[in-house]
Amino acid sequence: MNASTGRYGFNELDETTRIIPCEFVFIAAGFLHPQKEGILDQLSITLDARGNVAATDYQTNLPHVFAAGDMRRGQSLVVWAMHEGREAARAVDKYLMGNSSLESKTKNVLEMV
């Protein structure tokens, strides 16, 4: 376990590399983090310890810039991406309007009446 991130990772072991003859190689790689080169670097968006965009209530360190989904939480299920999008929309609505009548994970339409 990595002490700084609290997450498990991989470490290469000495003398474990080998060459396996083959005709095809298929690589399955997971999402590691958002691409920093480009707009994130240009805007100086802060990243968290895992390399994802750091955000409080979906807002980044830069005012008026919000992040959600895989960009903010890392690779996850599509249902989490949908949830993140809805919560980010509510956060933007609240930021722009001062409050929001959009549903959230803590308040649904029936509770707001």
N, C-alpha and C. Protein backbone atom coordinates (compact mmCIF):
# COMPACT_ATOMS: atom_id res chain seq x y z
N MET A 1 0.85 -1.18 0.00
CA MET A 1 0.00 0.00 0.00
C MET A 1 0.90 1.24 0.00
N ASN A 2 0.51 2.23 -0.81
CA ASN A 2 1.24 3.48 -0.88
C ASN A 2 0.80 4.35 0.29
N ALA A 3 1.75 4.75 1.14
CA ALA A 3 1.42 5.52 2.34
C ALA A 3 0.86 6.90 2.01
N SER A 4 1.30 7.52 0.93
CA SER A 4 0.84 8.88 0.62
C SER A 4 -0.57 8.90 0.05
N THR A 5 -0.97 7.85 -0.70
CA THR A 5 -2.30 7.84 -1.30
C THR A 5 -3.27 6.90 -0.59
N GLY A 6 -2.74 5.95 0.20
CA GLY A 6 -3.59 4.98 0.86
C GLY A 6 -4.17 3.94 -0.08
N ARG A 7 -3.57 3.82 -1.27
CA ARG A 7 -4.08 2.88 -2.27
C ARG A 7 -3.02 1.83 -2.59
N TYR A 8 -3.51 0.68 -3.04
CA TYR A 8 -2.60 -0.39 -3.45
C TYR A 8 -2.10 -0.12 -4.86
N GLY A 9 -0.91 -0.56 -5.15
CA GLY A 9 -0.35 -0.37 -6.48
C GLY A 9 0.53 -1.56 -6.84
N PHE A 10 1.25 -1.42 -7.92
CA PHE A 10 2.12 -2.48 -8.40
C PHE A 10 3.57 -2.03 -8.29
N ASN A 11 4.43 -2.95 -7.91
CA ASN A 11 5.87 -2.71 -7.90
C ASN A 11 6.55 -3.82 -8.67
N GLU A 12 7.44 -3.45 -9.59
CA GLU A 12 8.15 -4.45 -10.37
C GLU A 12 9.14 -5.18 -9.49
N LEU A 13 9.18 -6.49 -9.61
CA LEU A 13 10.11 -7.31 -8.85
C LEU A 13 11.33 -7.63 -9.71
N ASP A 14 12.49 -7.60 -9.10
CA ASP A 14 13.72 -7.92 -9.83
C ASP A 14 13.64 -9.33 -10.42
N GLU A 15 14.22 -9.49 -11.59
CA GLU A 15 14.34 -10.78 -12.29
C GLU A 15 12.99 -11.43 -12.60
N THR A 16 11.96 -10.62 -12.82
CA THR A 16 10.66 -11.19 -13.18
C THR A 16 10.26 -10.86 -14.62
N THR A 17 11.09 -10.12 -15.31
CA THR A 17 10.80 -9.77 -16.70
C THR A 17 11.13 -10.96 -17.59
N ARG A 18 10.23 -11.26 -18.53
CA ARG A 18 10.50 -12.34 -19.48
C ARG A 18 9.87 -11.99 -20.82
N ILE A 19 10.39 -12.56 -21.86
CA ILE A 19 9.89 -12.35 -23.21
C ILE A 19 9.09 -13.59 -23.62
N ILE A 20 7.88 -13.36 -24.03
CA ILE A 20 7.01 -14.45 -24.45
C ILE A 20 6.71 -14.27 -25.94
N PRO A 21 7.19 -15.17 -26.80
CA PRO A 21 6.92 -15.05 -28.24
C PRO A 21 5.41 -15.14 -28.50
N CYS A 22 4.92 -14.27 -29.37
CA CYS A 22 3.50 -14.30 -29.71
C CYS A 22 3.27 -13.57 -31.03
N GLU A 23 2.09 -13.73 -31.60
CA GLU A 23 1.74 -13.06 -32.83
C GLU A 23 0.97 -11.76 -32.56
N PHE A 24 0.18 -11.73 -31.51
CA PHE A 24 -0.62 -10.56 -31.17
C PHE A 24 -0.47 -10.24 -29.69
N VAL A 25 -0.55 -8.95 -29.38
CA VAL A 25 -0.57 -8.51 -27.98
C VAL A 25 -1.76 -7.58 -27.83
N PHE A 26 -2.61 -7.86 -26.85
CA PHE A 26 -3.75 -7.01 -26.54
C PHE A 26 -3.54 -6.41 -25.17
N ILE A 27 -3.71 -5.12 -25.09
CA ILE A 27 -3.51 -4.44 -23.81
C ILE A 27 -4.85 -3.95 -23.30
N ALA A 28 -5.17 -4.29 -22.07
CA ALA A 28 -6.37 -3.78 -21.40
C ALA A 28 -5.87 -2.85 -20.30
N ALA A 29 -6.11 -1.56 -20.49
CA ALA A 29 -5.61 -0.57 -19.53
C ALA A 29 -6.78 0.22 -18.97
N GLY A 30 -6.78 0.38 -17.68
CA GLY A 30 -7.83 1.16 -17.04
C GLY A 30 -7.52 2.65 -17.08
N PHE A 31 -8.51 3.44 -16.75
CA PHE A 31 -8.39 4.88 -16.66
C PHE A 31 -7.53 5.21 -15.45
N LEU A 32 -6.47 5.97 -15.66
CA LEU A 32 -5.60 6.33 -14.54
C LEU A 32 -5.92 7.70 -13.98
N HIS A 33 -6.12 8.65 -14.83
CA HIS A 33 -6.40 10.02 -14.41
C HIS A 33 -6.71 10.86 -15.64
N PRO A 34 -7.26 12.06 -15.45
CA PRO A 34 -7.52 12.90 -16.61
C PRO A 34 -6.22 13.35 -17.27
N GLN A 35 -6.29 13.69 -18.53
CA GLN A 35 -5.11 14.17 -19.24
C GLN A 35 -4.78 15.58 -18.75
N LYS A 36 -3.61 15.72 -18.13
CA LYS A 36 -3.21 17.00 -17.56
C LYS A 36 -2.75 17.98 -18.63
N GLU A 37 -2.07 17.45 -19.64
CA GLU A 37 -1.56 18.30 -20.70
C GLU A 37 -2.74 18.92 -21.44
N GLY A 38 -2.68 20.21 -21.64
CA GLY A 38 -3.78 20.89 -22.33
C GLY A 38 -4.50 21.81 -21.38
N ILE A 39 -5.83 21.70 -21.37
CA ILE A 39 -6.63 22.69 -20.64
C ILE A 39 -6.40 22.67 -19.13
N LEU A 40 -6.18 21.49 -18.53
CA LEU A 40 -5.95 21.45 -17.08
C LEU A 40 -4.67 22.19 -16.71
N ASP A 41 -3.60 21.96 -17.46
CA ASP A 41 -2.36 22.70 -17.22
C ASP A 41 -2.52 24.18 -17.55
N GLN A 42 -3.16 24.48 -18.66
CA GLN A 42 -3.33 25.88 -19.08
C GLN A 42 -4.11 26.69 -18.06
N LEU A 43 -5.10 26.07 -17.42
CA LEU A 43 -5.90 26.77 -16.42
C LEU A 43 -5.36 26.61 -15.00
N SER A 44 -4.28 25.84 -14.85
CA SER A 44 -3.68 25.56 -13.53
C SER A 44 -4.70 24.95 -12.57
N ILE A 45 -5.46 23.97 -13.07
CA ILE A 45 -6.45 23.27 -12.26
C ILE A 45 -5.70 22.35 -11.30
N THR A 46 -6.05 22.39 -10.03
CA THR A 46 -5.42 21.57 -9.01
C THR A 46 -5.90 20.13 -9.11
N LEU A 47 -4.96 19.20 -8.96
CA LEU A 47 -5.27 17.77 -8.97
C LEU A 47 -5.14 17.23 -7.55
N ASP A 48 -5.86 16.15 -7.27
CA ASP A 48 -5.74 15.51 -5.96
C ASP A 48 -4.57 14.53 -5.97
N ALA A 49 -4.37 13.82 -4.87
CA ALA A 49 -3.25 12.89 -4.73
C ALA A 49 -3.32 11.74 -5.75
N ARG A 50 -4.52 11.44 -6.25
CA ARG A 50 -4.68 10.36 -7.23
C ARG A 50 -4.55 10.84 -8.67
N GLY A 51 -4.38 12.16 -8.88
CA GLY A 51 -4.24 12.69 -10.22
C GLY A 51 -5.56 13.09 -10.86
N ASN A 52 -6.65 13.07 -10.08
CA ASN A 52 -7.95 13.52 -10.57
C ASN A 52 -8.12 15.00 -10.25
N VAL A 53 -9.07 15.65 -10.89
CA VAL A 53 -9.32 17.06 -10.62
C VAL A 53 -9.88 17.22 -9.21
N ALA A 54 -9.24 18.05 -8.41
CA ALA A 54 -9.70 18.32 -7.05
C ALA A 54 -10.85 19.31 -7.12
N ALA A 55 -11.94 19.02 -6.41
CA ALA A 55 -13.11 19.90 -6.45
C ALA A 55 -13.84 19.84 -5.11
N THR A 56 -14.35 21.00 -4.70
CA THR A 56 -15.20 21.09 -3.52
C THR A 56 -16.58 21.49 -4.00
N ASP A 57 -17.58 20.68 -3.67
CA ASP A 57 -18.93 20.86 -4.19
C ASP A 57 -18.89 21.00 -5.71
N TYR A 58 -18.04 20.19 -6.33
CA TYR A 58 -17.87 20.08 -7.79
C TYR A 58 -17.15 21.28 -8.42
N GLN A 59 -16.78 22.29 -7.64
CA GLN A 59 -16.05 23.44 -8.18
C GLN A 59 -14.55 23.24 -7.97
N THR A 60 -13.78 23.50 -9.01
CA THR A 60 -12.33 23.36 -8.94
C THR A 60 -11.74 24.56 -8.20
N ASN A 61 -10.42 24.61 -8.14
CA ASN A 61 -9.75 25.75 -7.51
C ASN A 61 -9.94 27.04 -8.31
N LEU A 62 -10.38 26.91 -9.54
CA LEU A 62 -10.61 28.07 -10.40
C LEU A 62 -12.09 28.44 -10.37
N PRO A 63 -12.43 29.66 -9.93
CA PRO A 63 -13.84 30.05 -9.89
C PRO A 63 -14.50 29.86 -11.25
N HIS A 64 -15.75 29.46 -11.24
CA HIS A 64 -16.58 29.25 -12.43
C HIS A 64 -16.23 27.96 -13.20
N VAL A 65 -15.30 27.15 -12.71
CA VAL A 65 -14.92 25.92 -13.40
C VAL A 65 -15.29 24.73 -12.52
N PHE A 66 -16.14 23.86 -13.04
CA PHE A 66 -16.64 22.72 -12.30
C PHE A 66 -16.17 21.42 -12.96
N ALA A 67 -16.12 20.35 -12.17
CA ALA A 67 -15.72 19.04 -12.69
C ALA A 67 -16.63 17.97 -12.08
N ALA A 68 -16.84 16.90 -12.85
CA ALA A 68 -17.69 15.80 -12.37
C ALA A 68 -17.29 14.52 -13.06
N GLY A 69 -17.85 13.41 -12.58
CA GLY A 69 -17.63 12.11 -13.22
C GLY A 69 -16.21 11.62 -13.06
N ASP A 70 -15.73 10.90 -14.08
CA ASP A 70 -14.40 10.31 -14.03
C ASP A 70 -13.33 11.37 -13.83
N MET A 71 -13.55 12.57 -14.32
CA MET A 71 -12.58 13.65 -14.18
C MET A 71 -12.33 13.95 -12.70
N ARG A 72 -13.38 13.89 -11.89
CA ARG A 72 -13.29 14.26 -10.48
C ARG A 72 -13.07 13.05 -9.57
N ARG A 73 -13.73 11.95 -9.84
CA ARG A 73 -13.67 10.82 -8.91
C ARG A 73 -12.80 9.66 -9.41
N GLY A 74 -12.39 9.71 -10.68
CA GLY A 74 -11.63 8.61 -11.24
C GLY A 74 -12.56 7.63 -11.91
N GLN A 75 -11.99 6.60 -12.50
CA GLN A 75 -12.79 5.62 -13.24
C GLN A 75 -13.84 5.02 -12.33
N SER A 76 -15.03 4.92 -12.86
CA SER A 76 -16.12 4.37 -12.08
C SER A 76 -17.20 3.85 -13.02
N LEU A 77 -18.32 3.47 -12.47
CA LEU A 77 -19.43 2.96 -13.25
C LEU A 77 -20.21 4.10 -13.89
N VAL A 78 -20.91 3.81 -14.97
CA VAL A 78 -21.68 4.82 -15.67
C VAL A 78 -22.76 5.42 -14.78
N VAL A 79 -23.31 4.63 -13.86
CA VAL A 79 -24.34 5.17 -12.97
C VAL A 79 -23.75 6.25 -12.06
N TRP A 80 -22.48 6.10 -11.67
CA TRP A 80 -21.82 7.15 -10.88
C TRP A 80 -21.60 8.39 -11.73
N ALA A 81 -21.27 8.22 -12.99
CA ALA A 81 -21.08 9.37 -13.88
C ALA A 81 -22.39 10.14 -14.02
N MET A 82 -23.50 9.42 -14.16
CA MET A 82 -24.80 10.08 -14.25
C MET A 82 -25.11 10.82 -12.96
N HIS A 83 -24.87 10.19 -11.85
CA HIS A 83 -25.10 10.81 -10.54
C HIS A 83 -24.23 12.06 -10.39
N GLU A 84 -22.96 11.94 -10.76
CA GLU A 84 -22.05 13.08 -10.68
C GLU A 84 -22.54 14.24 -11.55
N GLY A 85 -23.02 13.94 -12.74
CA GLY A 85 -23.52 14.98 -13.63
C GLY A 85 -24.70 15.72 -13.02
N ARG A 86 -25.60 14.98 -12.41
CA ARG A 86 -26.77 15.62 -11.77
C ARG A 86 -26.35 16.47 -10.58
N GLU A 87 -25.46 15.95 -9.77
CA GLU A 87 -25.00 16.71 -8.60
C GLU A 87 -24.20 17.94 -9.02
N ALA A 88 -23.40 17.81 -10.08
CA ALA A 88 -22.65 18.96 -10.58
C ALA A 88 -23.60 20.02 -11.13
N ALA A 89 -24.65 19.59 -11.85
CA ALA A 89 -25.63 20.54 -12.37
C ALA A 89 -26.30 21.29 -11.22
N ARG A 90 -26.60 20.59 -10.15
CA ARG A 90 -27.21 21.23 -8.97
C ARG A 90 -26.24 22.23 -8.35
N ALA A 91 -24.96 21.86 -8.27
CA ALA A 91 -23.95 22.76 -7.70
C ALA A 91 -23.78 24.01 -8.56
N VAL A 92 -23.80 23.85 -9.88
CA VAL A 92 -23.69 25.00 -10.78
C VAL A 92 -24.94 25.88 -10.64
N ASP A 93 -26.12 25.28 -10.58
CA ASP A 93 -27.37 26.02 -10.42
C ASP A 93 -27.32 26.85 -9.13
N LYS A 94 -26.89 26.21 -8.05
CA LYS A 94 -26.79 26.90 -6.75
C LYS A 94 -25.76 28.04 -6.83
N TYR A 95 -24.65 27.79 -7.50
CA TYR A 95 -23.59 28.80 -7.65
C TYR A 95 -24.12 30.02 -8.42
N LEU A 96 -24.86 29.77 -9.49
CA LEU A 96 -25.36 30.85 -10.33
C LEU A 96 -26.58 31.56 -9.74
N MET A 97 -27.48 30.79 -9.13
CA MET A 97 -28.76 31.34 -8.67
C MET A 97 -28.82 31.61 -7.16
N GLY A 98 -27.84 31.10 -6.41
CA GLY A 98 -27.88 31.26 -4.95
C GLY A 98 -28.58 30.12 -4.25
N ASN A 99 -29.42 29.38 -4.97
CA ASN A 99 -30.07 28.18 -4.45
C ASN A 99 -30.46 27.32 -5.64
N SER A 100 -30.94 26.12 -5.37
CA SER A 100 -31.32 25.22 -6.45
C SER A 100 -32.56 24.43 -6.07
N SER A 101 -33.44 24.27 -7.04
CA SER A 101 -34.62 23.42 -6.83
C SER A 101 -34.44 22.07 -7.52
N LEU A 102 -33.24 21.81 -8.04
CA LEU A 102 -32.97 20.52 -8.68
C LEU A 102 -32.83 19.44 -7.61
N GLU A 103 -33.26 18.24 -7.96
CA GLU A 103 -33.12 17.12 -7.03
C GLU A 103 -31.65 16.88 -6.71
N SER A 104 -31.40 16.34 -5.53
CA SER A 104 -30.04 15.97 -5.15
C SER A 104 -30.08 14.65 -4.41
N LYS A 105 -28.90 14.15 -4.09
CA LYS A 105 -28.85 12.87 -3.37
C LYS A 105 -29.42 13.02 -1.97
N THR A 106 -29.49 14.25 -1.44
CA THR A 106 -30.01 14.44 -0.09
C THR A 106 -31.43 14.99 -0.07
N LYS A 107 -31.88 15.58 -1.20
CA LYS A 107 -33.24 16.12 -1.25
C LYS A 107 -33.90 15.75 -2.56
N ASN A 108 -35.07 15.16 -2.47
CA ASN A 108 -35.80 14.89 -3.72
C ASN A 108 -36.94 15.90 -3.84
N VAL A 109 -37.60 15.89 -4.97
CA VAL A 109 -38.64 16.88 -5.24
C VAL A 109 -39.74 16.86 -4.18
N LEU A 110 -40.11 15.69 -3.69
CA LEU A 110 -41.18 15.60 -2.70
C LEU A 110 -40.80 16.26 -1.38
N GLU A 111 -39.54 16.21 -1.02
CA GLU A 111 -39.09 16.84 0.23
C GLU A 111 -38.98 18.35 0.10
N MET A 112 -38.86 18.87 -1.12
CA MET A 112 -38.66 20.31 -1.31
C MET A 112 -39.96 21.09 -1.34
N VAL A 113 -41.10 20.39 -1.42
CA VAL A 113 -42.40 21.09 -1.50
C VAL A 113 -42.82 21.58 -0.15
